[in-house]
Structure formats: C-alpha cells, structure tokens
Amino acid sequence: MYTKDTHSYDRIIGKSENSVISFYFQLNQLKNLYRQGWIKLKGEEFRIKCESVADHSFSLAMLCDTIIKKYDLDIDAMHCLKMCMVHELGEIYAGDFTPMDGVSDEDKHRMEHEGVKKVLEYCEWEDEYYRLWEEYEMNQTNEAIFVKEVDNLEFIMQAVSYGYNISVFTRSLGNIKNSILLDIFEELKKLTINGDTDNSMKC
C-alpha cells in the first residue's frame, strides 16, 4: 500500500488509555493512505497529486450534503454525513484495495470488517459507528443506497479533475440509478473538456 507516512497509531500506542486519543490517531491513518487506484493507473510519481482516503471521505460527505440541500431530497442528511465519515474506517488496517488487486468482495469485506472492529474496540461509541459502517456495506436503506451512488459519482468527478475523459466511466455510471445523480453526470459531461480516454481504468 502506498502511504505518505508510517501508521499514525504507532506514534502513541501504549501511551494513552483515552479512547478519544486512541481513535484519533488510528483515524489519522486515512490521511496517510493514498487512494491506491490512482497511483496504480498513473504511476508512483502521481503520489504528489493523489488524494488520500480521508480526502475522499470529506469530498463524499460534502457532495452528499450539497445534493440533498439543492434538490430538497427526503433523505436524512445527518445520517448520510455520519455514514460518509465512517464508511472507510476498515481501510485503516485493511488498506485500500482496488479491482486491479484481484481481491474478492468477500475477502475485502472480511478484512475491512476486522479493521473496523479493531479501530472501535475500545470506543464507547462503537455500536453507532459500527452500525453505520455495516448499513453502508449492506446497501439496503435509502441513505446507504444514496451515499453509495454518490460515492460512484464522486469518483467520476475526481477522475475528471485529474484529466480523464468522462466517456470512459461506463462501469461506475452503471452503479448510479438515482435520476438526479444521472442528470448531474449528464450536465458534467457537457462541461467536461477532452481528457485521457485510457480504457485501462476499467471504470
């Protein structure tokens, strides 16, 4: 896994029993962990530009909230925001696997599940965060479905910001069913300048 630094928790492990301190320094690893797919597609030199997993979680949360507000959607915005902030907690220890890694969905879920449990092991708020993470993974509630679809849209928008041509995103677009999100995609397509059409992205 490509990271900016060593695991943040290594700097304080064994020094504090305060769950806030422990949780923060584990959470901070998401700032260190690059979104691996971009580097695998662009090469190691792309690390200077590559977003972190924490960058992605923040962007997803803001995008969800702005879409809910603009279109006055009947979706619990606060619930979505919390889900966005915890949906990658498992990657603190599991890492950020991509389709190019050949890891099965079952193995990925198992490793991330173990990671979430480890992160939240000594947190008094464990149940709430774990339920939110599991809700996102199960993808059955209105909020989880919305967040997961916006996650796909955010990936496309981030790729465009890196210079990719929007026309290669058939896979991610196929995961979006919400008509408002599809309209946003279509409007973005009209505004997007030509970019890299490398189909090796497998998007």
C-alpha atoms as a PDB file:
ATOM      1  CA  MET A   1       0.000   0.000   0.000  1.00  0.00           C
ATOM      2  CA  TYR A   2       1.227   3.478  -0.872  1.00  0.00           C
ATOM      3  CA  THR A   3       1.161   5.810   2.141  1.00  0.00           C
ATOM      4  CA  LYS A   4       2.547   9.229   2.998  1.00  0.00           C
ATOM      5  CA  ASP A   5       3.983   8.114   6.327  1.00  0.00           C
ATOM      6  CA  THR A   6       4.101   5.274   8.839  1.00  0.00           C
ATOM      7  CA  HIS A   7       0.898   4.353  10.661  1.00  0.00           C
ATOM      8  CA  SER A   8      -0.070   7.275  12.910  1.00  0.00           C
ATOM      9  CA  TYR A   9      -1.086   4.988  15.768  1.00  0.00           C
ATOM     10  CA  ASP A  10       2.473   3.672  16.068  1.00  0.00           C
ATOM     11  CA  ARG A  11       3.480   7.047  17.497  1.00  0.00           C
ATOM     12  CA  ILE A  12       1.289   6.761  20.600  1.00  0.00           C
ATOM     13  CA  ILE A  13       0.432   3.093  21.072  1.00  0.00           C
ATOM     14  CA  GLY A  14       0.637   2.125  24.717  1.00  0.00           C
ATOM     15  CA  LYS A  15       0.867   5.734  25.884  1.00  0.00           C
ATOM     16  CA  SER A  16      -2.781   6.585  26.454  1.00  0.00           C
ATOM     17  CA  GLU A  17      -5.934   4.795  27.535  1.00  0.00           C
ATOM     18  CA  ASN A  18      -8.096   7.744  26.496  1.00  0.00           C
ATOM     19  CA  SER A  19     -10.396   6.441  23.748  1.00  0.00           C
ATOM     20  CA  VAL A  20     -10.544   9.848  22.032  1.00  0.00           C
ATOM     21  CA  ILE A  21      -6.763   9.931  21.632  1.00  0.00           C
ATOM     22  CA  SER A  22      -6.622   6.302  20.564  1.00  0.00           C
ATOM     23  CA  PHE A  23      -9.401   6.724  17.999  1.00  0.00           C
ATOM     24  CA  TYR A  24      -7.966   9.924  16.547  1.00  0.00           C
ATOM     25  CA  PHE A  25      -4.506   8.509  15.905  1.00  0.00           C
ATOM     26  CA  GLN A  26      -5.992   5.439  14.241  1.00  0.00           C
ATOM     27  CA  LEU A  27      -8.362   7.593  12.191  1.00  0.00           C
ATOM     28  CA  ASN A  28      -5.452   9.795  11.166  1.00  0.00           C
ATOM     29  CA  GLN A  29      -4.098   6.892   9.113  1.00  0.00           C
ATOM     30  CA  LEU A  30      -6.742   7.677   6.490  1.00  0.00           C
ATOM     31  CA  LYS A  31      -4.895  10.953   5.863  1.00  0.00           C
ATOM     32  CA  ASN A  32      -1.732   8.939   5.208  1.00  0.00           C
ATOM     33  CA  LEU A  33      -3.336   6.308   2.987  1.00  0.00           C
ATOM     34  CA  TYR A  34      -3.482   7.220  -0.687  1.00  0.00           C
ATOM     35  CA  ARG A  35      -6.393   6.145  -2.847  1.00  0.00           C
ATOM     36  CA  GLN A  36      -4.445   3.314  -4.385  1.00  0.00           C
ATOM     37  CA  GLY A  37      -6.174   3.071  -7.754  1.00  0.00           C
ATOM     38  CA  TRP A  38      -4.928   6.429  -8.982  1.00  0.00           C
ATOM     39  CA  ILE A  39      -1.293   5.571  -8.289  1.00  0.00           C
ATOM     40  CA  LYS A  40      -1.624   2.153  -9.900  1.00  0.00           C
ATOM     41  CA  LEU A  41      -3.060   3.798 -13.000  1.00  0.00           C
ATOM     42  CA  LYS A  42      -0.785   6.835 -13.123  1.00  0.00           C
ATOM     43  CA  GLY A  43       2.430   5.511 -11.565  1.00  0.00           C
ATOM     44  CA  GLU A  44       4.302   6.231  -8.330  1.00  0.00           C
ATOM     45  CA  GLU A  45       5.183   9.756  -9.420  1.00  0.00           C
ATOM     46  CA  PHE A  46       1.459  10.596  -9.140  1.00  0.00           C
ATOM     47  CA  ARG A  47       1.673  10.441  -5.338  1.00  0.00           C
ATOM     48  CA  ILE A  48       2.398  14.168  -5.245  1.00  0.00           C
ATOM     49  CA  LYS A  49      -1.104  14.825  -6.629  1.00  0.00           C
ATOM     50  CA  CYS A  50      -3.033  11.821  -5.357  1.00  0.00           C
ATOM     51  CA  GLU A  51      -5.908  12.203  -2.923  1.00  0.00           C
ATOM     52  CA  SER A  52      -5.935  10.354   0.382  1.00  0.00           C
ATOM     53  CA  VAL A  53      -8.782   8.190   1.644  1.00  0.00           C
ATOM     54  CA  ALA A  54      -9.604  10.977   4.120  1.00  0.00           C
ATOM     55  CA  ASP A  55      -9.783  13.463   1.219  1.00  0.00           C
ATOM     56  CA  HIS A  56     -12.283  11.180  -0.474  1.00  0.00           C
ATOM     57  CA  SER A  57     -14.433  10.766   2.659  1.00  0.00           C
ATOM     58  CA  PHE A  58     -14.599  14.535   3.154  1.00  0.00           C
ATOM     59  CA  SER A  59     -15.490  15.162  -0.500  1.00  0.00           C
ATOM     60  CA  LEU A  60     -18.167  12.477  -0.403  1.00  0.00           C
ATOM     61  CA  ALA A  61     -19.730  13.945   2.740  1.00  0.00           C
ATOM     62  CA  MET A  62     -19.839  17.448   1.273  1.00  0.00           C
ATOM     63  CA  LEU A  63     -21.182  16.234  -2.068  1.00  0.00           C
ATOM     64  CA  CYS A  64     -23.969  14.259  -0.376  1.00  0.00           C
ATOM     65  CA  ASP A  65     -24.977  17.214   1.768  1.00  0.00           C
ATOM     66  CA  THR A  66     -24.975  19.722  -1.090  1.00  0.00           C
ATOM     67  CA  ILE A  67     -27.061  17.446  -3.318  1.00  0.00           C
ATOM     68  CA  ILE A  68     -29.585  16.828  -0.525  1.00  0.00           C
ATOM     69  CA  LYS A  69     -29.860  20.576   0.096  1.00  0.00           C
ATOM     70  CA  LYS A  70     -30.025  21.712  -3.537  1.00  0.00           C
ATOM     71  CA  TYR A  71     -32.665  19.189  -4.563  1.00  0.00           C
ATOM     72  CA  ASP A  72     -34.523  19.157  -1.215  1.00  0.00           C
ATOM     73  CA  LEU A  73     -34.313  15.380  -1.014  1.00  0.00           C
ATOM     74  CA  ASP A  74     -36.289  13.435   1.571  1.00  0.00           C
ATOM     75  CA  ILE A  75     -33.131  11.831   2.966  1.00  0.00           C
ATOM     76  CA  ASP A  76     -31.641  12.168   6.458  1.00  0.00           C
ATOM     77  CA  ALA A  77     -28.657  14.417   5.743  1.00  0.00           C
ATOM     78  CA  MET A  78     -27.004  13.993   9.145  1.00  0.00           C
ATOM     79  CA  HIS A  79     -27.271  10.230   8.889  1.00  0.00           C
ATOM     80  CA  CYS A  80     -25.648  10.374   5.450  1.00  0.00           C
ATOM     81  CA  LEU A  81     -22.857  12.639   6.705  1.00  0.00           C
ATOM     82  CA  LYS A  82     -22.011  10.251   9.529  1.00  0.00           C
ATOM     83  CA  MET A  83     -22.087   7.309   7.150  1.00  0.00           C
ATOM     84  CA  CYS A  84     -19.706   9.095   4.776  1.00  0.00           C
ATOM     85  CA  MET A  85     -17.261   9.758   7.587  1.00  0.00           C
ATOM     86  CA  VAL A  86     -17.149   6.138   8.783  1.00  0.00           C
ATOM     87  CA  HIS A  87     -17.546   4.194   5.537  1.00  0.00           C
ATOM     88  CA  GLU A  88     -13.768   3.782   5.045  1.00  0.00           C
ATOM     89  CA  LEU A  89     -12.815   3.032   8.669  1.00  0.00           C
ATOM     90  CA  GLY A  90     -11.996  -0.558   7.772  1.00  0.00           C
ATOM     91  CA  GLU A  91      -9.221   0.646   5.479  1.00  0.00           C
ATOM     92  CA  ILE A  92      -7.235   1.954   8.445  1.00  0.00           C
ATOM     93  CA  TYR A  93      -5.916  -1.579   8.880  1.00  0.00           C
ATOM     94  CA  ALA A  94      -7.105  -3.427   5.754  1.00  0.00           C
ATOM     95  CA  GLY A  95      -5.785  -0.863   3.294  1.00  0.00           C
ATOM     96  CA  ASP A  96      -7.429   0.420   0.114  1.00  0.00           C
ATOM     97  CA  PHE A  97      -7.945  -2.475  -2.288  1.00  0.00           C
ATOM     98  CA  THR A  98      -8.837  -1.819  -5.922  1.00  0.00           C
ATOM     99  CA  PRO A  99     -10.406  -4.055  -8.599  1.00  0.00           C
ATOM    100  CA  MET A 100      -6.896  -4.404 -10.040  1.00  0.00           C
ATOM    101  CA  ASP A 101      -5.701  -6.226  -6.893  1.00  0.00           C
ATOM    102  CA  GLY A 102      -7.742  -9.351  -7.566  1.00  0.00           C
ATOM    103  CA  VAL A 103      -9.148  -9.445  -4.023  1.00  0.00           C
ATOM    104  CA  SER A 104     -12.639 -10.934  -3.871  1.00  0.00           C
ATOM    105  CA  ASP A 105     -15.517  -8.884  -2.494  1.00  0.00           C
ATOM    106  CA  GLU A 106     -15.873 -11.434   0.296  1.00  0.00           C
ATOM    107  CA  ASP A 107     -12.219 -11.172   1.357  1.00  0.00           C
ATOM    108  CA  LYS A 108     -12.298  -7.379   1.105  1.00  0.00           C
ATOM    109  CA  HIS A 109     -15.393  -7.210   3.298  1.00  0.00           C
ATOM    110  CA  ARG A 110     -13.895  -9.621   5.825  1.00  0.00           C
ATOM    111  CA  MET A 111     -10.634  -7.666   6.143  1.00  0.00           C
ATOM    112  CA  GLU A 112     -12.420  -4.333   6.405  1.00  0.00           C
ATOM    113  CA  HIS A 113     -14.852  -5.767   8.960  1.00  0.00           C
ATOM    114  CA  GLU A 114     -11.909  -6.908  11.076  1.00  0.00           C
ATOM    115  CA  GLY A 115     -10.349  -3.466  10.653  1.00  0.00           C
ATOM    116  CA  VAL A 116     -13.470  -1.637  11.814  1.00  0.00           C
ATOM    117  CA  LYS A 117     -13.760  -3.869  14.864  1.00  0.00           C
ATOM    118  CA  LYS A 118     -10.121  -3.209  15.734  1.00  0.00           C
ATOM    119  CA  VAL A 119     -10.462   0.566  15.361  1.00  0.00           C
ATOM    120  CA  LEU A 120     -13.591   0.711  17.511  1.00  0.00           C
ATOM    121  CA  GLU A 121     -12.576  -1.921  20.051  1.00  0.00           C
ATOM    122  CA  TYR A 122     -12.168   0.461  22.985  1.00  0.00           C
ATOM    123  CA  CYS A 123     -14.550   3.229  21.883  1.00  0.00           C
ATOM    124  CA  GLU A 124     -17.639   3.888  23.958  1.00  0.00           C
ATOM    125  CA  TRP A 125     -19.441   4.857  20.729  1.00  0.00           C
ATOM    126  CA  GLU A 126     -18.525   1.595  18.980  1.00  0.00           C
ATOM    127  CA  ASP A 127     -22.103   0.462  18.338  1.00  0.00           C
ATOM    128  CA  GLU A 128     -23.189   3.603  16.476  1.00  0.00           C
ATOM    129  CA  TYR A 129     -20.177   3.740  14.166  1.00  0.00           C
ATOM    130  CA  TYR A 130     -20.245   0.006  13.500  1.00  0.00           C
ATOM    131  CA  ARG A 131     -23.961   0.098  12.647  1.00  0.00           C
ATOM    132  CA  LEU A 132     -23.344   2.960  10.210  1.00  0.00           C
ATOM    133  CA  TRP A 133     -20.463   1.123   8.561  1.00  0.00           C
ATOM    134  CA  GLU A 134     -22.489  -2.082   8.277  1.00  0.00           C
ATOM    135  CA  GLU A 135     -25.501  -0.185   6.925  1.00  0.00           C
ATOM    136  CA  TYR A 136     -23.323   1.248   4.159  1.00  0.00           C
ATOM    137  CA  GLU A 137     -21.919  -2.192   3.340  1.00  0.00           C
ATOM    138  CA  MET A 138     -25.369  -3.835   3.260  1.00  0.00           C
ATOM    139  CA  ASN A 139     -26.668  -1.076   0.935  1.00  0.00           C
ATOM    140  CA  GLN A 140     -30.359  -1.546   1.714  1.00  0.00           C
ATOM    141  CA  THR A 141     -31.591   1.660   3.384  1.00  0.00           C
ATOM    142  CA  ASN A 142     -32.410   4.820   1.425  1.00  0.00           C
ATOM    143  CA  GLU A 143     -29.451   6.616   2.987  1.00  0.00           C
ATOM    144  CA  ALA A 144     -26.976   3.813   2.246  1.00  0.00           C
ATOM    145  CA  ILE A 145     -28.127   3.498  -1.364  1.00  0.00           C
ATOM    146  CA  PHE A 146     -27.853   7.268  -1.827  1.00  0.00           C
ATOM    147  CA  VAL A 147     -24.388   7.510  -0.267  1.00  0.00           C
ATOM    148  CA  LYS A 148     -23.074   4.584  -2.314  1.00  0.00           C
ATOM    149  CA  GLU A 149     -24.391   6.069  -5.554  1.00  0.00           C
ATOM    150  CA  VAL A 150     -22.927   9.481  -4.730  1.00  0.00           C
ATOM    151  CA  ASP A 151     -19.672   7.640  -3.965  1.00  0.00           C
ATOM    152  CA  ASN A 152     -19.641   6.492  -7.599  1.00  0.00           C
ATOM    153  CA  LEU A 153     -20.427   9.998  -8.837  1.00  0.00           C
ATOM    154  CA  GLU A 154     -17.690  11.486  -6.659  1.00  0.00           C
ATOM    155  CA  PHE A 155     -15.198   9.023  -8.139  1.00  0.00           C
ATOM    156  CA  ILE A 156     -16.132  10.150 -11.648  1.00  0.00           C
ATOM    157  CA  MET A 157     -15.862  13.827 -10.704  1.00  0.00           C
ATOM    158  CA  GLN A 158     -12.467  13.258  -9.088  1.00  0.00           C
ATOM    159  CA  ALA A 159     -11.244  11.435 -12.183  1.00  0.00           C
ATOM    160  CA  VAL A 160     -12.338  14.349 -14.360  1.00  0.00           C
ATOM    161  CA  SER A 161     -10.402  16.695 -12.069  1.00  0.00           C
ATOM    162  CA  TYR A 162      -7.338  14.512 -12.773  1.00  0.00           C
ATOM    163  CA  GLY A 163      -7.828  14.973 -16.508  1.00  0.00           C
ATOM    164  CA  TYR A 164      -9.640  11.801 -17.515  1.00  0.00           C
ATOM    165  CA  ASN A 165     -12.293  11.877 -20.214  1.00  0.00           C
ATOM    166  CA  ILE A 166     -15.722  11.291 -18.727  1.00  0.00           C
ATOM    167  CA  SER A 167     -16.672   8.939 -21.576  1.00  0.00           C
ATOM    168  CA  VAL A 168     -14.711   6.009 -20.086  1.00  0.00           C
ATOM    169  CA  PHE A 169     -16.825   5.730 -16.937  1.00  0.00           C
ATOM    170  CA  THR A 170     -19.383   3.176 -18.047  1.00  0.00           C
ATOM    171  CA  ARG A 171     -18.818   0.866 -15.065  1.00  0.00           C
ATOM    172  CA  SER A 172     -19.222   3.491 -12.336  1.00  0.00           C
ATOM    173  CA  LEU A 173     -22.124   5.116 -14.158  1.00  0.00           C
ATOM    174  CA  GLY A 174     -23.876   1.749 -14.277  1.00  0.00           C
ATOM    175  CA  ASN A 175     -23.940   1.754 -10.470  1.00  0.00           C
ATOM    176  CA  ILE A 176     -25.941   5.002 -10.391  1.00  0.00           C
ATOM    177  CA  LYS A 177     -29.741   4.708 -10.627  1.00  0.00           C
ATOM    178  CA  ASN A 178     -30.820   7.972  -8.968  1.00  0.00           C
ATOM    179  CA  SER A 179     -32.202  10.252 -11.689  1.00  0.00           C
ATOM    180  CA  ILE A 180     -30.830  13.416 -10.071  1.00  0.00           C
ATOM    181  CA  LEU A 181     -27.324  11.972  -9.923  1.00  0.00           C
ATOM    182  CA  LEU A 182     -27.621  10.876 -13.553  1.00  0.00           C
ATOM    183  CA  ASP A 183     -28.705  14.400 -14.503  1.00  0.00           C
ATOM    184  CA  ILE A 184     -25.653  15.803 -12.709  1.00  0.00           C
ATOM    185  CA  PHE A 185     -23.478  13.369 -14.651  1.00  0.00           C
ATOM    186  CA  GLU A 186     -25.042  14.416 -17.966  1.00  0.00           C
ATOM    187  CA  GLU A 187     -24.523  18.093 -17.180  1.00  0.00           C
ATOM    188  CA  LEU A 188     -20.931  17.418 -16.185  1.00  0.00           C
ATOM    189  CA  LYS A 189     -20.402  15.572 -19.465  1.00  0.00           C
ATOM    190  CA  LYS A 190     -21.432  18.686 -21.407  1.00  0.00           C
ATOM    191  CA  LEU A 191     -18.983  20.834 -19.450  1.00  0.00           C
ATOM    192  CA  THR A 192     -16.010  18.485 -19.467  1.00  0.00           C
ATOM    193  CA  ILE A 193     -13.082  19.157 -21.741  1.00  0.00           C
ATOM    194  CA  ASN A 194     -11.491  16.249 -23.575  1.00  0.00           C
ATOM    195  CA  GLY A 195      -9.125  14.272 -21.394  1.00  0.00           C
ATOM    196  CA  ASP A 196      -7.348  10.956 -21.176  1.00  0.00           C
ATOM    197  CA  THR A 197      -9.505   8.212 -22.708  1.00  0.00           C
ATOM    198  CA  ASP A 198      -7.335   5.369 -21.432  1.00  0.00           C
ATOM    199  CA  ASN A 199      -9.793   2.493 -21.008  1.00  0.00           C
ATOM    200  CA  SER A 200      -7.369   0.629 -18.757  1.00  0.00           C
ATOM    201  CA  MET A 201      -9.085   2.478 -15.898  1.00  0.00           C
ATOM    202  CA  LYS A 202     -11.822  -0.170 -16.075  1.00  0.00           C
ATOM    203  CA  CYS A 203     -14.254   2.285 -14.540  1.00  0.00           C
END
